[in-house]
Amino acid sequence: MQKVFQIEQERLKPDRAVDAIKHELRKYVKREKKKELPNKATMYWDFDCKFGKTAELANACTFEEISAQLNSVVKEGWKACYIEVMAKAVNKPVKES
């Protein structure tokens, strides 16, 4: 998912717009995790994320950091933000016994 989200909307206050964005991101992650893995026993879904004012200014971050960064966006007064979340199948780390 690569999308520019509008923070300032005519019908929503910025705080509610941020809540709606967070909800949409959680729905996307939940939907992606339901997809079939190539090998369930040794793999899991991981997400490559980017966040910024525009696609060119976006920096890599974890999915958990996006929530905190969205809260700071309202305080800084951004009109829009770019969020990229890409799912990838990753091998589980090998447990040493």
PDB file of N, CA and C in Angstrom:
ATOM      1  N   MET A   1       0.854  -1.165   0.000  1.00  0.00           N
ATOM      2  CA  MET A   1       0.000   0.000   0.000  1.00  0.00           C
ATOM      3  C   MET A   1       0.902   1.231   0.000  1.00  0.00           C
ATOM      4  N   GLN A   2       0.713   2.073  -0.958  1.00  0.00           N
ATOM      5  CA  GLN A   2       1.411   3.351  -1.042  1.00  0.00           C
ATOM      6  C   GLN A   2       0.340   4.407  -1.209  1.00  0.00           C
ATOM      7  N   LYS A   3       0.270   5.325  -0.261  1.00  0.00           N
ATOM      8  CA  LYS A   3      -0.846   6.261  -0.313  1.00  0.00           C
ATOM      9  C   LYS A   3      -0.491   7.577   0.368  1.00  0.00           C
ATOM     10  N   VAL A   4      -1.047   8.657  -0.169  1.00  0.00           N
ATOM     11  CA  VAL A   4      -0.961   9.970   0.470  1.00  0.00           C
ATOM     12  C   VAL A   4      -2.281  10.180   1.203  1.00  0.00           C
ATOM     13  N   PHE A   5      -2.196  10.295   2.515  1.00  0.00           N
ATOM     14  CA  PHE A   5      -3.384  10.495   3.342  1.00  0.00           C
ATOM     15  C   PHE A   5      -3.552  11.977   3.645  1.00  0.00           C
ATOM     16  N   GLN A   6      -4.772  12.469   3.531  1.00  0.00           N
ATOM     17  CA  GLN A   6      -5.081  13.865   3.838  1.00  0.00           C
ATOM     18  C   GLN A   6      -5.379  13.990   5.331  1.00  0.00           C
ATOM     19  N   ILE A   7      -4.629  14.845   6.023  1.00  0.00           N
ATOM     20  CA  ILE A   7      -4.854  15.077   7.451  1.00  0.00           C
ATOM     21  C   ILE A   7      -5.959  16.114   7.622  1.00  0.00           C
ATOM     22  N   GLU A   8      -5.874  17.184   6.846  1.00  0.00           N
ATOM     23  CA  GLU A   8      -6.901  18.228   6.915  1.00  0.00           C
ATOM     24  C   GLU A   8      -7.998  17.892   5.915  1.00  0.00           C
ATOM     25  N   GLN A   9      -9.154  17.541   6.455  1.00  0.00           N
ATOM     26  CA  GLN A   9     -10.301  17.213   5.622  1.00  0.00           C
ATOM     27  C   GLN A   9     -11.460  18.117   6.003  1.00  0.00           C
ATOM     28  N   GLU A  10     -12.321  18.342   5.047  1.00  0.00           N
ATOM     29  CA  GLU A  10     -13.443  19.252   5.267  1.00  0.00           C
ATOM     30  C   GLU A  10     -14.416  18.718   6.318  1.00  0.00           C
ATOM     31  N   ARG A  11     -14.651  17.407   6.307  1.00  0.00           N
ATOM     32  CA  ARG A  11     -15.666  16.852   7.192  1.00  0.00           C
ATOM     33  C   ARG A  11     -15.112  16.254   8.489  1.00  0.00           C
ATOM     34  N   LEU A  12     -13.781  16.153   8.622  1.00  0.00           N
ATOM     35  CA  LEU A  12     -13.181  15.552   9.815  1.00  0.00           C
ATOM     36  C   LEU A  12     -12.177  16.493  10.463  1.00  0.00           C
ATOM     37  N   LYS A  13     -12.141  16.457  11.791  1.00  0.00           N
ATOM     38  CA  LYS A  13     -11.084  17.160  12.512  1.00  0.00           C
ATOM     39  C   LYS A  13      -9.790  16.366  12.329  1.00  0.00           C
ATOM     40  N   PRO A  14      -8.642  17.028  12.432  1.00  0.00           N
ATOM     41  CA  PRO A  14      -7.368  16.325  12.208  1.00  0.00           C
ATOM     42  C   PRO A  14      -7.170  15.101  13.107  1.00  0.00           C
ATOM     43  N   ASP A  15      -7.581  15.187  14.370  1.00  0.00           N
ATOM     44  CA  ASP A  15      -7.418  14.040  15.265  1.00  0.00           C
ATOM     45  C   ASP A  15      -8.234  12.840  14.792  1.00  0.00           C
ATOM     46  N   ARG A  16      -9.438  13.084  14.335  1.00  0.00           N
ATOM     47  CA  ARG A  16     -10.298  11.990  13.840  1.00  0.00           C
ATOM     48  C   ARG A  16      -9.771  11.450  12.516  1.00  0.00           C
ATOM     49  N   ALA A  17      -9.201  12.320  11.696  1.00  0.00           N
ATOM     50  CA  ALA A  17      -8.615  11.872  10.429  1.00  0.00           C
ATOM     51  C   ALA A  17      -7.437  10.934  10.697  1.00  0.00           C
ATOM     52  N   VAL A  18      -6.622  11.263  11.699  1.00  0.00           N
ATOM     53  CA  VAL A  18      -5.489  10.409  12.067  1.00  0.00           C
ATOM     54  C   VAL A  18      -5.996   9.064  12.577  1.00  0.00           C
ATOM     55  N   ASP A  19      -7.057   9.072  13.386  1.00  0.00           N
ATOM     56  CA  ASP A  19      -7.638   7.814  13.862  1.00  0.00           C
ATOM     57  C   ASP A  19      -8.133   6.964  12.694  1.00  0.00           C
ATOM     58  N   ALA A  20      -8.745   7.597  11.705  1.00  0.00           N
ATOM     59  CA  ALA A  20      -9.232   6.875  10.528  1.00  0.00           C
ATOM     60  C   ALA A  20      -8.067   6.277   9.732  1.00  0.00           C
ATOM     61  N   ILE A  21      -6.966   7.004   9.640  1.00  0.00           N
ATOM     62  CA  ILE A  21      -5.780   6.508   8.935  1.00  0.00           C
ATOM     63  C   ILE A  21      -5.216   5.291   9.657  1.00  0.00           C
ATOM     64  N   LYS A  22      -5.092   5.383  10.982  1.00  0.00           N
ATOM     65  CA  LYS A  22      -4.587   4.254  11.770  1.00  0.00           C
ATOM     66  C   LYS A  22      -5.476   3.031  11.575  1.00  0.00           C
ATOM     67  N   HIS A  23      -6.791   3.241  11.576  1.00  0.00           N
ATOM     68  CA  HIS A  23      -7.730   2.133  11.392  1.00  0.00           C
ATOM     69  C   HIS A  23      -7.543   1.486  10.019  1.00  0.00           C
ATOM     70  N   GLU A  24      -7.380   2.306   8.991  1.00  0.00           N
ATOM     71  CA  GLU A  24      -7.181   1.780   7.638  1.00  0.00           C
ATOM     72  C   GLU A  24      -5.881   0.985   7.541  1.00  0.00           C
ATOM     73  N   LEU A  25      -4.823   1.458   8.197  1.00  0.00           N
ATOM     74  CA  LEU A  25      -3.550   0.743   8.180  1.00  0.00           C
ATOM     75  C   LEU A  25      -3.668  -0.600   8.896  1.00  0.00           C
ATOM     76  N   ARG A  26      -4.355  -0.622  10.038  1.00  0.00           N
ATOM     77  CA  ARG A  26      -4.539  -1.879  10.771  1.00  0.00           C
ATOM     78  C   ARG A  26      -5.350  -2.885   9.950  1.00  0.00           C
ATOM     79  N   LYS A  27      -6.380  -2.396   9.252  1.00  0.00           N
ATOM     80  CA  LYS A  27      -7.181  -3.276   8.394  1.00  0.00           C
ATOM     81  C   LYS A  27      -6.317  -3.866   7.282  1.00  0.00           C
ATOM     82  N   TYR A  28      -5.450  -3.053   6.700  1.00  0.00           N
ATOM     83  CA  TYR A  28      -4.581  -3.520   5.624  1.00  0.00           C
ATOM     84  C   TYR A  28      -3.638  -4.607   6.135  1.00  0.00           C
ATOM     85  N   VAL A  29      -3.026  -4.375   7.293  1.00  0.00           N
ATOM     86  CA  VAL A  29      -2.085  -5.350   7.854  1.00  0.00           C
ATOM     87  C   VAL A  29      -2.812  -6.655   8.175  1.00  0.00           C
ATOM     88  N   LYS A  30      -3.984  -6.553   8.751  1.00  0.00           N
ATOM     89  CA  LYS A  30      -4.768  -7.747   9.082  1.00  0.00           C
ATOM     90  C   LYS A  30      -5.108  -8.536   7.816  1.00  0.00           C
ATOM     91  N   ARG A  31      -5.495  -7.836   6.756  1.00  0.00           N
ATOM     92  CA  ARG A  31      -5.828  -8.474   5.484  1.00  0.00           C
ATOM     93  C   ARG A  31      -4.604  -9.168   4.889  1.00  0.00           C
ATOM     94  N   GLU A  32      -3.447  -8.517   4.947  1.00  0.00           N
ATOM     95  CA  GLU A  32      -2.228  -9.102   4.386  1.00  0.00           C
ATOM     96  C   GLU A  32      -1.786 -10.332   5.175  1.00  0.00           C
ATOM     97  N   LYS A  33      -1.947 -10.305   6.495  1.00  0.00           N
ATOM     98  CA  LYS A  33      -1.532 -11.445   7.318  1.00  0.00           C
ATOM     99  C   LYS A  33      -2.389 -12.679   7.072  1.00  0.00           C
ATOM    100  N   LYS A  34      -3.593 -12.501   6.542  1.00  0.00           N
ATOM    101  CA  LYS A  34      -4.467 -13.638   6.244  1.00  0.00           C
ATOM    102  C   LYS A  34      -4.062 -14.359   4.967  1.00  0.00           C
ATOM    103  N   LYS A  35      -3.246 -13.739   4.142  1.00  0.00           N
ATOM    104  CA  LYS A  35      -2.837 -14.354   2.882  1.00  0.00           C
ATOM    105  C   LYS A  35      -1.966 -15.582   3.150  1.00  0.00           C
ATOM    106  N   GLU A  36      -1.962 -16.475   2.187  1.00  0.00           N
ATOM    107  CA  GLU A  36      -1.237 -17.736   2.309  1.00  0.00           C
ATOM    108  C   GLU A  36       0.275 -17.500   2.220  1.00  0.00           C
ATOM    109  N   LEU A  37       1.010 -18.101   3.158  1.00  0.00           N
ATOM    110  CA  LEU A  37       2.470 -18.041   3.139  1.00  0.00           C
ATOM    111  C   LEU A  37       3.019 -19.185   2.289  1.00  0.00           C
ATOM    112  N   PRO A  38       4.188 -18.998   1.662  1.00  0.00           N
ATOM    113  CA  PRO A  38       4.789 -20.089   0.896  1.00  0.00           C
ATOM    114  C   PRO A  38       5.084 -21.316   1.767  1.00  0.00           C
ATOM    115  N   ASN A  39       5.534 -21.075   3.009  1.00  0.00           N
ATOM    116  CA  ASN A  39       5.820 -22.173   3.932  1.00  0.00           C
ATOM    117  C   ASN A  39       5.451 -21.707   5.337  1.00  0.00           C
ATOM    118  N   LYS A  40       4.295 -22.113   5.831  1.00  0.00           N
ATOM    119  CA  LYS A  40       3.805 -21.641   7.126  1.00  0.00           C
ATOM    120  C   LYS A  40       4.717 -22.021   8.283  1.00  0.00           C
ATOM    121  N   ALA A  41       5.374 -23.162   8.182  1.00  0.00           N
ATOM    122  CA  ALA A  41       6.186 -23.653   9.292  1.00  0.00           C
ATOM    123  C   ALA A  41       7.427 -22.798   9.525  1.00  0.00           C
ATOM    124  N   THR A  42       7.979 -22.227   8.466  1.00  0.00           N
ATOM    125  CA  THR A  42       9.248 -21.513   8.622  1.00  0.00           C
ATOM    126  C   THR A  42       9.177 -20.036   8.251  1.00  0.00           C
ATOM    127  N   MET A  43       7.971 -19.517   7.944  1.00  0.00           N
ATOM    128  CA  MET A  43       7.882 -18.127   7.499  1.00  0.00           C
ATOM    129  C   MET A  43       6.789 -17.367   8.241  1.00  0.00           C
ATOM    130  N   TYR A  44       6.898 -16.031   8.206  1.00  0.00           N
ATOM    131  CA  TYR A  44       5.865 -15.153   8.747  1.00  0.00           C
ATOM    132  C   TYR A  44       5.837 -13.874   7.911  1.00  0.00           C
ATOM    133  N   TRP A  45       4.761 -13.080   8.075  1.00  0.00           N
ATOM    134  CA  TRP A  45       4.631 -11.825   7.332  1.00  0.00           C
ATOM    135  C   TRP A  45       5.340 -10.705   8.084  1.00  0.00           C
ATOM    136  N   ASP A  46       6.161  -9.955   7.374  1.00  0.00           N
ATOM    137  CA  ASP A  46       6.822  -8.770   7.912  1.00  0.00           C
ATOM    138  C   ASP A  46       6.459  -7.606   6.988  1.00  0.00           C
ATOM    139  N   PHE A  47       6.646  -6.380   7.480  1.00  0.00           N
ATOM    140  CA  PHE A  47       6.228  -5.220   6.702  1.00  0.00           C
ATOM    141  C   PHE A  47       7.355  -4.201   6.606  1.00  0.00           C
ATOM    142  N   ASP A  48       7.642  -3.776   5.369  1.00  0.00           N
ATOM    143  CA  ASP A  48       8.572  -2.676   5.116  1.00  0.00           C
ATOM    144  C   ASP A  48       7.736  -1.405   5.078  1.00  0.00           C
ATOM    145  N   CYS A  49       8.082  -0.435   5.922  1.00  0.00           N
ATOM    146  CA  CYS A  49       7.271   0.776   6.030  1.00  0.00           C
ATOM    147  C   CYS A  49       8.112   2.018   5.767  1.00  0.00           C
ATOM    148  N   LYS A  50       7.463   3.021   5.210  1.00  0.00           N
ATOM    149  CA  LYS A  50       8.057   4.345   5.020  1.00  0.00           C
ATOM    150  C   LYS A  50       7.015   5.375   5.415  1.00  0.00           C
ATOM    151  N   PHE A  51       7.490   6.499   5.959  1.00  0.00           N
ATOM    152  CA  PHE A  51       6.585   7.553   6.405  1.00  0.00           C
ATOM    153  C   PHE A  51       7.249   8.899   6.153  1.00  0.00           C
ATOM    154  N   GLY A  52       6.491   9.863   5.637  1.00  0.00           N
ATOM    155  CA  GLY A  52       7.028  11.199   5.414  1.00  0.00           C
ATOM    156  C   GLY A  52       5.984  12.139   4.854  1.00  0.00           C
ATOM    157  N   LYS A  53       6.420  13.372   4.616  1.00  0.00           N
ATOM    158  CA  LYS A  53       5.514  14.383   4.064  1.00  0.00           C
ATOM    159  C   LYS A  53       5.169  14.073   2.612  1.00  0.00           C
ATOM    160  N   THR A  54       6.149  13.590   1.861  1.00  0.00           N
ATOM    161  CA  THR A  54       5.942  13.182   0.467  1.00  0.00           C
ATOM    162  C   THR A  54       6.683  11.868   0.242  1.00  0.00           C
ATOM    163  N   ALA A  55       6.486  11.259  -0.916  1.00  0.00           N
ATOM    164  CA  ALA A  55       7.151   9.991  -1.226  1.00  0.00           C
ATOM    165  C   ALA A  55       8.671  10.165  -1.273  1.00  0.00           C
ATOM    166  N   GLU A  56       9.128  11.320  -1.757  1.00  0.00           N
ATOM    167  CA  GLU A  56      10.569  11.562  -1.859  1.00  0.00           C
ATOM    168  C   GLU A  56      11.207  11.782  -0.487  1.00  0.00           C
ATOM    169  N   LEU A  57      10.454  12.341   0.452  1.00  0.00           N
ATOM    170  CA  LEU A  57      10.983  12.641   1.784  1.00  0.00           C
ATOM    171  C   LEU A  57      10.717  11.532   2.796  1.00  0.00           C
ATOM    172  N   ALA A  58      10.102  10.446   2.373  1.00  0.00           N
ATOM    173  CA  ALA A  58       9.731   9.365   3.297  1.00  0.00           C
ATOM    174  C   ALA A  58      10.965   8.619   3.784  1.00  0.00           C
ATOM    175  N   ASN A  59      10.964   8.309   5.084  1.00  0.00           N
ATOM    176  CA  ASN A  59      12.045   7.561   5.710  1.00  0.00           C
ATOM    177  C   ASN A  59      11.531   6.199   6.153  1.00  0.00           C
ATOM    178  N   ALA A  60      12.417   5.208   6.141  1.00  0.00           N
ATOM    179  CA  ALA A  60      12.050   3.864   6.580  1.00  0.00           C
ATOM    180  C   ALA A  60      11.777   3.863   8.081  1.00  0.00           C
ATOM    181  N   CYS A  61      10.776   3.087   8.489  1.00  0.00           N
ATOM    182  CA  CYS A  61      10.436   2.955   9.901  1.00  0.00           C
ATOM    183  C   CYS A  61       9.731   1.621  10.103  1.00  0.00           C
ATOM    184  N   THR A  62       9.453   1.284  11.362  1.00  0.00           N
ATOM    185  CA  THR A  62       8.698   0.072  11.651  1.00  0.00           C
ATOM    186  C   THR A  62       7.213   0.404  11.660  1.00  0.00           C
ATOM    187  N   PHE A  63       6.383  -0.621  11.574  1.00  0.00           N
ATOM    188  CA  PHE A  63       4.937  -0.389  11.564  1.00  0.00           C
ATOM    189  C   PHE A  63       4.483   0.248  12.877  1.00  0.00           C
ATOM    190  N   GLU A  64       5.082  -0.135  13.989  1.00  0.00           N
ATOM    191  CA  GLU A  64       4.708   0.409  15.293  1.00  0.00           C
ATOM    192  C   GLU A  64       5.038   1.900  15.401  1.00  0.00           C
ATOM    193  N   GLU A  65       6.102   2.345  14.748  1.00  0.00           N
ATOM    194  CA  GLU A  65       6.506   3.754  14.809  1.00  0.00           C
ATOM    195  C   GLU A  65       5.559   4.669  14.034  1.00  0.00           C
ATOM    196  N   ILE A  66       4.830   4.123  13.079  1.00  0.00           N
ATOM    197  CA  ILE A  66       3.925   4.946  12.269  1.00  0.00           C
ATOM    198  C   ILE A  66       2.878   5.618  13.143  1.00  0.00           C
ATOM    199  N   SER A  67       2.359   4.906  14.139  1.00  0.00           N
ATOM    200  CA  SER A  67       1.327   5.460  15.022  1.00  0.00           C
ATOM    201  C   SER A  67       1.843   6.690  15.765  1.00  0.00           C
ATOM    202  N   ALA A  68       3.033   6.592  16.326  1.00  0.00           N
ATOM    203  CA  ALA A  68       3.611   7.728  17.049  1.00  0.00           C
ATOM    204  C   ALA A  68       3.892   8.890  16.103  1.00  0.00           C
ATOM    205  N   GLN A  69       4.363   8.587  14.907  1.00  0.00           N
ATOM    206  CA  GLN A  69       4.656   9.645  13.944  1.00  0.00           C
ATOM    207  C   GLN A  69       3.383  10.326  13.462  1.00  0.00           C
ATOM    208  N   LEU A  70       2.289   9.573  13.335  1.00  0.00           N
ATOM    209  CA  LEU A  70       1.012  10.177  12.944  1.00  0.00           C
ATOM    210  C   LEU A  70       0.520  11.155  14.008  1.00  0.00           C
ATOM    211  N   ASN A  71       0.737  10.830  15.282  1.00  0.00           N
ATOM    212  CA  ASN A  71       0.332  11.747  16.354  1.00  0.00           C
ATOM    213  C   ASN A  71       1.112  13.056  16.277  1.00  0.00           C
ATOM    214  N   SER A  72       2.395  12.983  15.923  1.00  0.00           N
ATOM    215  CA  SER A  72       3.205  14.199  15.832  1.00  0.00           C
ATOM    216  C   SER A  72       2.828  15.035  14.607  1.00  0.00           C
ATOM    217  N   VAL A  73       2.264  14.408  13.592  1.00  0.00           N
ATOM    218  CA  VAL A  73       1.859  15.119  12.374  1.00  0.00           C
ATOM    219  C   VAL A  73       0.804  16.174  12.692  1.00  0.00           C
ATOM    220  N   VAL A  74      -0.142  15.847  13.561  1.00  0.00           N
ATOM    221  CA  VAL A  74      -1.202  16.792  13.931  1.00  0.00           C
ATOM    222  C   VAL A  74      -0.597  17.994  14.652  1.00  0.00           C
ATOM    223  N   LYS A  75       0.348  17.728  15.550  1.00  0.00           N
ATOM    224  CA  LYS A  75       0.980  18.812  16.310  1.00  0.00           C
ATOM    225  C   LYS A  75       1.790  19.733  15.401  1.00  0.00           C
ATOM    226  N   GLU A  76       2.405  19.154  14.372  1.00  0.00           N
ATOM    227  CA  GLU A  76       3.226  19.945  13.454  1.00  0.00           C
ATOM    228  C   GLU A  76       2.396  20.642  12.380  1.00  0.00           C
ATOM    229  N   GLY A  77       1.126  20.268  12.257  1.00  0.00           N
ATOM    230  CA  GLY A  77       0.229  20.950  11.328  1.00  0.00           C
ATOM    231  C   GLY A  77       0.355  20.549   9.869  1.00  0.00           C
ATOM    232  N   TRP A  78       0.726  19.303   9.589  1.00  0.00           N
ATOM    233  CA  TRP A  78       0.813  18.837   8.205  1.00  0.00           C
ATOM    234  C   TRP A  78      -0.576  18.768   7.595  1.00  0.00           C
ATOM    235  N   LYS A  79      -0.674  19.011   6.303  1.00  0.00           N
ATOM    236  CA  LYS A  79      -1.950  18.886   5.586  1.00  0.00           C
ATOM    237  C   LYS A  79      -2.142  17.466   5.051  1.00  0.00           C
ATOM    238  N   ALA A  80      -1.031  16.783   4.758  1.00  0.00           N
ATOM    239  CA  ALA A  80      -1.083  15.420   4.228  1.00  0.00           C
ATOM    240  C   ALA A  80       0.204  14.690   4.599  1.00  0.00           C
ATOM    241  N   CYS A  81       0.175  13.365   4.523  1.00  0.00           N
ATOM    242  CA  CYS A  81       1.380  12.577   4.772  1.00  0.00           C
ATOM    243  C   CYS A  81       1.377  11.356   3.854  1.00  0.00           C
ATOM    244  N   TYR A  82       2.579  10.875   3.550  1.00  0.00           N
ATOM    245  CA  TYR A  82       2.757   9.712   2.684  1.00  0.00           C
ATOM    246  C   TYR A  82       3.103   8.521   3.557  1.00  0.00           C
ATOM    247  N   ILE A  83       2.385   7.412   3.350  1.00  0.00           N
ATOM    248  CA  ILE A  83       2.661   6.185   4.092  1.00  0.00           C
ATOM    249  C   ILE A  83       2.758   5.042   3.098  1.00  0.00           C
ATOM    250  N   GLU A  84       3.806   4.243   3.260  1.00  0.00           N
ATOM    251  CA  GLU A  84       4.004   3.061   2.422  1.00  0.00           C
ATOM    252  C   GLU A  84       4.170   1.859   3.342  1.00  0.00           C
ATOM    253  N   VAL A  85       3.359   0.832   3.125  1.00  0.00           N
ATOM    254  CA  VAL A  85       3.450  -0.411   3.893  1.00  0.00           C
ATOM    255  C   VAL A  85       3.434  -1.555   2.886  1.00  0.00           C
ATOM    256  N   MET A  86       4.536  -2.296   2.815  1.00  0.00           N
ATOM    257  CA  MET A  86       4.653  -3.404   1.872  1.00  0.00           C
ATOM    258  C   MET A  86       4.891  -4.704   2.639  1.00  0.00           C
ATOM    259  N   ALA A  87       4.057  -5.699   2.380  1.00  0.00           N
ATOM    260  CA  ALA A  87       4.172  -6.997   3.043  1.00  0.00           C
ATOM    261  C   ALA A  87       5.228  -7.848   2.348  1.00  0.00           C
ATOM    262  N   LYS A  88       5.939  -8.630   3.151  1.00  0.00           N
ATOM    263  CA  LYS A  88       6.912  -9.571   2.590  1.00  0.00           C
ATOM    264  C   LYS A  88       6.959 -10.807   3.484  1.00  0.00           C
ATOM    265  N   ALA A  89       7.152 -11.954   2.880  1.00  0.00           N
ATOM    266  CA  ALA A  89       7.286 -13.203   3.622  1.00  0.00           C
ATOM    267  C   ALA A  89       8.746 -13.345   4.041  1.00  0.00           C
ATOM    268  N   VAL A  90       8.957 -13.588   5.338  1.00  0.00           N
ATOM    269  CA  VAL A  90      10.309 -13.652   5.890  1.00  0.00           C
ATOM    270  C   VAL A  90      10.476 -14.972   6.630  1.00  0.00           C
ATOM    271  N   ASN A  91      11.676 -15.539   6.550  1.00  0.00           N
ATOM    272  CA  ASN A  91      11.968 -16.758   7.297  1.00  0.00           C
ATOM    273  C   ASN A  91      12.068 -16.459   8.785  1.00  0.00           C
ATOM    274  N   LYS A  92      11.527 -17.360   9.600  1.00  0.00           N
ATOM    275  CA  LYS A  92      11.627 -17.213  11.050  1.00  0.00           C
ATOM    276  C   LYS A  92      13.076 -17.435  11.460  1.00  0.00           C
ATOM    277  N   PRO A  93      13.523 -16.739  12.520  1.00  0.00           N
ATOM    278  CA  PRO A  93      14.888 -16.975  12.987  1.00  0.00           C
ATOM    279  C   PRO A  93      15.027 -18.396  13.538  1.00  0.00           C
ATOM    280  N   VAL A  94      16.186 -18.980  13.340  1.00  0.00           N
ATOM    281  CA  VAL A  94      16.444 -20.339  13.806  1.00  0.00           C
ATOM    282  C   VAL A  94      16.714 -20.300  15.303  1.00  0.00           C
ATOM    283  N   LYS A  95      16.009 -21.158  16.043  1.00  0.00           N
ATOM    284  CA  LYS A  95      16.213 -21.232  17.494  1.00  0.00           C
ATOM    285  C   LYS A  95      17.390 -22.144  17.781  1.00  0.00           C
ATOM    286  N   GLU A  96      18.282 -21.658  18.636  1.00  0.00           N
ATOM    287  CA  GLU A  96      19.423 -22.480  19.031  1.00  0.00           C
ATOM    288  C   GLU A  96      19.024 -23.294  20.247  1.00  0.00           C
ATOM    289  N   SER A  97      19.355 -24.590  20.224  1.00  0.00           N
ATOM    290  CA  SER A  97      18.979 -25.426  21.364  1.00  0.00           C
ATOM    291  C   SER A  97      20.163 -25.872  22.159  1.00  0.00           C
TER     292      SER A  97
END
